[in-house]
């Protein structure tokens, strides 16, 4: 198959029928799909298939053979010679040379000892020794290293051969792919009230039960791929196949994932394939002494804002490395999918820098698009969904590229979801710039519903981005300094705290119910975690004070944080029972600017929000298409959520045959100020 040959796209007509404006870019979709097929066919013909190609971690790096010996293989096209050194040979840099193979590959076989034991013991240190074209000797960590550690005050990480006699065996099956995805975005290291780096074991025993109690069915694990700089939040990856050792051992991470599975919770890895750390001694950069190994040479290989290296997605061995990396995390650790970080940077040669993305379709096609990267993402999603059909993939893309979450056979990139990144920005803008009386109901509804048809979104009111130092969480924007003095139930309920608690619940519920087909929350934000998140660094005297999550605040019955925790839990439990995230799009019947009321129907539920700061409505007509008897099933004004108990939950609400706001019937409700209620039609089983 020729790389310029055009291949029919089986489902393209469906894509173009759903969005006729894409017809002008039909050639782009055909070209991308043809390149995808060309790559896939090349892998099938030259590598024995995608299955074998994506399991290259079994032959690259250092792997034990059936006879007890070790087979070592590296790709170092710029090297003049390659050696293996370590504890096993007294750090003799030249005693174990690799043999040069074709296409820049090098291999070495080390026979077993006389007693058939491995020649390199578990836990011993290793280095790949490279002699570059200038004769310089370089000590490197294998790109395929499965475990690296930093000892004491050392700056550089050490490669440790990880091959225990017995490794952790998964005991529990993977949960089925959830129809409604409720994600708890997590970071192991900060998952403790203590000012230190928390462990995998701490997360397993102390945090997983909390996540289960809150009703989340999916965890997104951040900062797992090894990163030398802790304060990078895991986004400057140095060792792609190594689980971060600062939290514990690989087996302890496997136990974490397995325990989550036993609770019916799926676990996603926050995977960073958009760039890599510039570290060379303990990272990928300059592995073979050249600037172009794994990355583009010249300016194209550098991300100026992130100060990191950019992969060459057209390179055969880079595809092997990245696809195998995805497969490794799924196969070895049992992850259930990925949230792909920095997808916008991958999609465009400009990396999104200086681009506002107005929504003009010309922004998504043409020479500014990095189609090598697009094809890699198509291959990645194809591989994941072929071998692991229940896996979930999520794209972090701020640009809104069309078809990113459409099927590959339609010409799409094959993601299951994209993050609805405009939503948290809208809430921050409203809280920063507008008085409560000036909130625009139509603008809020537009932001929450403005998503591409048939492309699923993960909605969130805030994520880790808003928690980082330099920004503020919703709770901090709402309550600020009073969180330090007035969150005790022993102190009077001030106007600031009352407003903050009520709006915190409302913003999260309307985002959950109207904003997408999945929902995400960053750990601690469910109960309004105070303060920002800041990792130890020179600028804060290496302090861990802000690199922690104070879960104890939500457990203290003398503090008002427990009200927010309880509301978040019951909101998730109601979604679990009624399934609005998996239901068709909501029908919005009211977005009244004067009344500050939004009302909509979804999943046989009626949602009513009164954002007015002081007006309550005793007889407010709300439209619905489903006649019958309604009852309140969630009320943000309930006492257990820190509300003012103004509603009687025993009240039955009956519809009238009175058409209203383009719906066939309607009912009258009492809706106090700054309150959200959810009513369920009791005549329809859920």
Foldseek 3Di string as FASTA:
>chain_A
DDLPDFDDQQAQVVQCVQPVVCVVVVVVLRNLLSNLVVLQVCCCVPVVHPVRLLQCLCQEAWHADPQQKIKYKAAQQQFPWKAKAWPLVPRPQPPFTWPDDPPRMTMGIGADPPVSHYSADFFTFMWMWTQGPVRDIATADGLSQAAWADPDPRLAITGTHHDDPDAADQDFDAFFQDLAAAEAEEEQQFAFQDLGGEALVCCQPPVLVLCLLLQGQEYEYWLQQADSDVQVRNQAHFHLNYGHPRRHHLRSLLVSQSSSRVSNHAYAYAHEQAWHHCDGRRGDACVNPDRPVQAHPDPLQADVVVRTGGGDLVDPVNLSSVSNSQVSCCPVRPHQAYEYPQVCLLFFSVSCVPDPQPPPLVVQDDDRTPSSSLSSLLVNLCVCCVVRVRGAYEYAHPNQRPQCCPPVSNSHSNHPEYELVVQLVVLVCCLVPHDLLQDALVVNLCSQAVHRPPHWYAFENDALVQQAPVHHALLCSQQNPCLVPPQFPVHDCDPSNLLSLLVLLVSGLCRCQARTLYYYDYPQVQLPFDHGAGAQDVVVPRTSNRSHHPVVQLVDPRGLSVLSSVSSSLSSVVCVQQVQSSWPHWDWLDRDSNQNWTWIDTSQKIKIFGSDQFDKDAWDKDADQDFAKKFWPHKCQDVSNVHDPPDDRVDIWGWDCDHGSNHRIITTHTGGHSMMTMMHHPVDHD
